[in-house]
């Protein structure tokens, strides 16, 4: 069986076109870190499963803390 829009065999690996990605259900996780002397940091992650979205949200928060010079803030 062939896919009607790509010509790739069904079950084959391919990159999902942008217009089809809009129909994929994603989980969103957010992490809020309250900083005493500055604005809060809000990490957001979107992924197909919950665990990955949580990892991406944590990574986003760490990058923001690093940009503020507070990378060691959580340790």
N, C-alpha and C. Protein backbone atom coordinates (compact mmCIF):
# COMPACT_ATOMS: atom_id res chain seq x y z
N UNK A 1 0.84 -1.18 0.00
CA UNK A 1 0.00 0.00 0.00
C UNK A 1 0.88 1.24 0.00
N UNK A 2 0.57 2.20 -0.82
CA UNK A 2 1.34 3.43 -0.90
C UNK A 2 0.55 4.59 -0.33
N UNK A 3 1.27 5.52 0.27
CA UNK A 3 0.64 6.72 0.79
C UNK A 3 0.19 7.58 -0.38
N UNK A 4 -0.98 8.18 -0.26
CA UNK A 4 -1.54 8.93 -1.37
C UNK A 4 -0.87 10.28 -1.60
N UNK A 5 -0.17 10.81 -0.60
CA UNK A 5 0.40 12.15 -0.77
C UNK A 5 1.91 12.19 -0.84
N UNK A 6 2.60 11.10 -0.57
CA UNK A 6 4.06 11.13 -0.65
C UNK A 6 4.66 10.08 -1.56
N UNK A 7 3.92 9.01 -1.84
CA UNK A 7 4.47 7.94 -2.65
C UNK A 7 5.39 7.03 -1.86
N UNK A 8 5.46 7.20 -0.56
CA UNK A 8 6.31 6.38 0.30
C UNK A 8 5.46 5.22 0.80
N UNK A 9 6.02 4.02 0.89
CA UNK A 9 5.24 2.88 1.38
C UNK A 9 4.65 3.17 2.76
N UNK A 10 3.43 2.69 2.98
CA UNK A 10 2.80 2.89 4.29
C UNK A 10 3.69 2.27 5.37
N UNK A 11 3.88 2.95 6.44
CA UNK A 11 4.76 2.49 7.51
C UNK A 11 6.21 2.88 7.30
N UNK A 12 6.53 3.45 6.14
CA UNK A 12 7.89 3.91 5.88
C UNK A 12 8.19 5.17 6.66
N UNK A 13 9.46 5.49 6.81
CA UNK A 13 9.83 6.69 7.55
C UNK A 13 9.97 7.87 6.60
N UNK A 14 9.42 8.98 7.02
CA UNK A 14 9.51 10.21 6.23
C UNK A 14 9.26 11.39 7.16
N UNK A 15 9.62 12.56 6.70
CA UNK A 15 9.39 13.78 7.47
C UNK A 15 7.95 14.22 7.25
N UNK A 16 7.26 14.50 8.35
CA UNK A 16 5.87 14.92 8.25
C UNK A 16 5.82 16.36 7.74
N UNK A 17 5.11 16.61 6.64
CA UNK A 17 4.99 17.99 6.14
C UNK A 17 4.34 18.89 7.17
N UNK A 18 4.67 20.18 7.13
CA UNK A 18 4.19 21.13 8.11
C UNK A 18 2.66 21.15 8.20
N UNK A 19 1.99 21.09 7.07
CA UNK A 19 0.54 21.18 7.09
C UNK A 19 -0.10 19.96 7.74
N UNK A 20 0.58 18.81 7.77
CA UNK A 20 0.05 17.64 8.45
C UNK A 20 0.38 17.65 9.93
N UNK A 21 1.46 18.31 10.31
CA UNK A 21 1.87 18.36 11.71
C UNK A 21 0.84 19.10 12.55
N UNK A 22 0.01 19.91 11.94
CA UNK A 22 -1.01 20.65 12.69
C UNK A 22 -2.07 19.74 13.28
N UNK A 23 -2.18 18.52 12.78
CA UNK A 23 -3.22 17.61 13.24
C UNK A 23 -2.71 16.58 14.24
N UNK A 24 -1.47 16.67 14.65
CA UNK A 24 -0.91 15.74 15.61
C UNK A 24 -1.21 16.26 17.02
N UNK A 25 -1.70 15.39 17.89
CA UNK A 25 -1.98 15.78 19.27
C UNK A 25 -0.67 15.87 20.03
N UNK A 26 -0.42 17.03 20.63
CA UNK A 26 0.79 17.25 21.40
C UNK A 26 0.45 17.49 22.87
N UNK A 27 1.35 17.08 23.73
CA UNK A 27 1.25 17.40 25.15
C UNK A 27 2.09 18.63 25.40
N UNK A 28 1.60 19.51 26.27
CA UNK A 28 2.36 20.70 26.64
C UNK A 28 2.63 20.65 28.14
N UNK A 29 3.90 20.83 28.50
CA UNK A 29 4.28 20.91 29.90
C UNK A 29 4.88 22.28 30.15
N UNK A 30 4.62 22.82 31.33
CA UNK A 30 5.20 24.11 31.71
C UNK A 30 5.83 23.97 33.09
N UNK A 31 6.95 24.65 33.25
CA UNK A 31 7.66 24.70 34.53
C UNK A 31 7.87 26.16 34.87
N UNK A 32 7.42 26.55 36.06
CA UNK A 32 7.58 27.93 36.50
C UNK A 32 8.56 27.95 37.66
N UNK A 33 9.59 28.79 37.54
CA UNK A 33 10.59 28.95 38.59
C UNK A 33 10.52 30.39 39.08
N UNK A 34 10.23 30.55 40.34
CA UNK A 34 10.13 31.88 40.93
C UNK A 34 11.53 32.34 41.37
N UNK A 35 11.99 33.42 40.79
CA UNK A 35 13.27 34.01 41.17
C UNK A 35 12.99 35.18 42.11
N UNK A 36 13.75 35.27 43.17
CA UNK A 36 13.51 36.31 44.17
C UNK A 36 13.80 37.72 43.66
N UNK A 37 14.86 37.87 42.87
CA UNK A 37 15.30 39.20 42.48
C UNK A 37 14.93 39.61 41.05
N UNK A 38 14.31 38.71 40.28
CA UNK A 38 14.00 39.00 38.88
C UNK A 38 12.63 38.43 38.53
N UNK A 39 12.29 38.57 37.28
CA UNK A 39 11.05 37.98 36.79
C UNK A 39 11.13 36.46 36.86
N UNK A 40 9.98 35.82 36.86
CA UNK A 40 9.93 34.36 36.89
C UNK A 40 10.40 33.78 35.56
N UNK A 41 10.87 32.53 35.61
CA UNK A 41 11.27 31.80 34.42
C UNK A 41 10.16 30.80 34.12
N UNK A 42 9.71 30.76 32.88
CA UNK A 42 8.66 29.84 32.47
C UNK A 42 9.19 28.97 31.34
N UNK A 43 9.41 27.70 31.64
CA UNK A 43 9.87 26.74 30.63
C UNK A 43 8.67 26.04 30.03
N UNK A 44 8.64 25.92 28.71
CA UNK A 44 7.53 25.29 28.01
C UNK A 44 8.08 24.22 27.08
N UNK A 45 7.42 23.06 27.06
CA UNK A 45 7.82 21.98 26.18
C UNK A 45 6.62 21.32 25.53
N UNK A 46 6.71 21.08 24.24
CA UNK A 46 5.65 20.40 23.48
C UNK A 46 6.23 19.14 22.86
N UNK A 47 5.54 18.01 23.05
CA UNK A 47 5.99 16.74 22.47
C UNK A 47 4.80 15.80 22.36
N UNK A 48 5.01 14.71 21.67
CA UNK A 48 3.93 13.74 21.48
C UNK A 48 3.60 13.03 22.78
N UNK A 49 4.61 12.72 23.61
CA UNK A 49 4.29 12.07 24.88
C UNK A 49 4.63 12.99 26.06
N UNK A 50 4.04 12.68 27.20
CA UNK A 50 4.14 13.54 28.38
C UNK A 50 5.57 13.66 28.89
N UNK A 51 6.29 12.56 28.94
CA UNK A 51 7.65 12.56 29.49
C UNK A 51 8.58 13.46 28.67
N UNK A 52 8.49 13.39 27.36
CA UNK A 52 9.34 14.23 26.51
C UNK A 52 8.98 15.70 26.64
N UNK A 53 7.68 16.00 26.76
CA UNK A 53 7.29 17.41 26.91
C UNK A 53 7.82 17.96 28.24
N UNK A 54 7.83 17.14 29.29
CA UNK A 54 8.39 17.58 30.57
C UNK A 54 9.90 17.81 30.47
N UNK A 55 10.60 16.94 29.75
CA UNK A 55 12.04 17.11 29.56
C UNK A 55 12.34 18.41 28.79
N UNK A 56 11.56 18.67 27.75
CA UNK A 56 11.77 19.89 26.96
C UNK A 56 11.46 21.14 27.76
N UNK A 57 10.45 21.08 28.61
CA UNK A 57 10.12 22.23 29.47
C UNK A 57 11.26 22.49 30.45
N UNK A 58 11.81 21.43 31.03
CA UNK A 58 12.93 21.59 31.96
C UNK A 58 14.16 22.15 31.23
N UNK A 59 14.42 21.66 30.03
CA UNK A 59 15.55 22.17 29.25
C UNK A 59 15.36 23.63 28.90
N UNK A 60 14.15 24.03 28.56
CA UNK A 60 13.86 25.42 28.27
C UNK A 60 14.12 26.30 29.49
N UNK A 61 13.69 25.84 30.66
CA UNK A 61 13.91 26.61 31.88
C UNK A 61 15.40 26.74 32.19
N UNK A 62 16.16 25.66 32.01
CA UNK A 62 17.61 25.70 32.26
C UNK A 62 18.30 26.67 31.31
N UNK A 63 17.91 26.68 30.05
CA UNK A 63 18.50 27.62 29.09
C UNK A 63 18.19 29.07 29.48
N UNK A 64 16.99 29.31 29.95
CA UNK A 64 16.65 30.67 30.38
C UNK A 64 17.43 31.08 31.62
N UNK A 65 17.60 30.14 32.56
CA UNK A 65 18.40 30.43 33.75
C UNK A 65 19.85 30.71 33.37
N UNK A 66 20.36 29.95 32.41
CA UNK A 66 21.72 30.16 31.93
C UNK A 66 21.87 31.54 31.31
N UNK A 67 20.87 31.96 30.53
CA UNK A 67 20.91 33.27 29.89
C UNK A 67 20.89 34.39 30.94
N UNK A 68 20.25 34.13 32.08
CA UNK A 68 20.22 35.12 33.16
C UNK A 68 21.45 35.05 34.06
N UNK A 69 22.34 34.10 33.78
CA UNK A 69 23.53 33.94 34.60
C UNK A 69 23.25 33.22 35.91
N UNK A 70 22.19 32.44 35.95
CA UNK A 70 21.79 31.73 37.16
C UNK A 70 21.78 30.23 36.92
N UNK A 71 22.72 29.73 36.15
CA UNK A 71 22.74 28.30 35.81
C UNK A 71 22.90 27.44 37.05
N UNK A 72 23.59 27.89 38.06
CA UNK A 72 23.76 27.14 39.28
C UNK A 72 22.70 27.41 40.32
N UNK A 73 21.66 28.11 39.94
CA UNK A 73 20.60 28.53 40.86
C UNK A 73 19.89 27.34 41.50
N UNK A 74 19.68 26.27 40.74
CA UNK A 74 18.92 25.13 41.26
C UNK A 74 19.76 24.16 42.07
N UNK A 75 21.07 24.26 42.03
CA UNK A 75 21.89 23.28 42.74
C UNK A 75 22.09 23.64 44.19
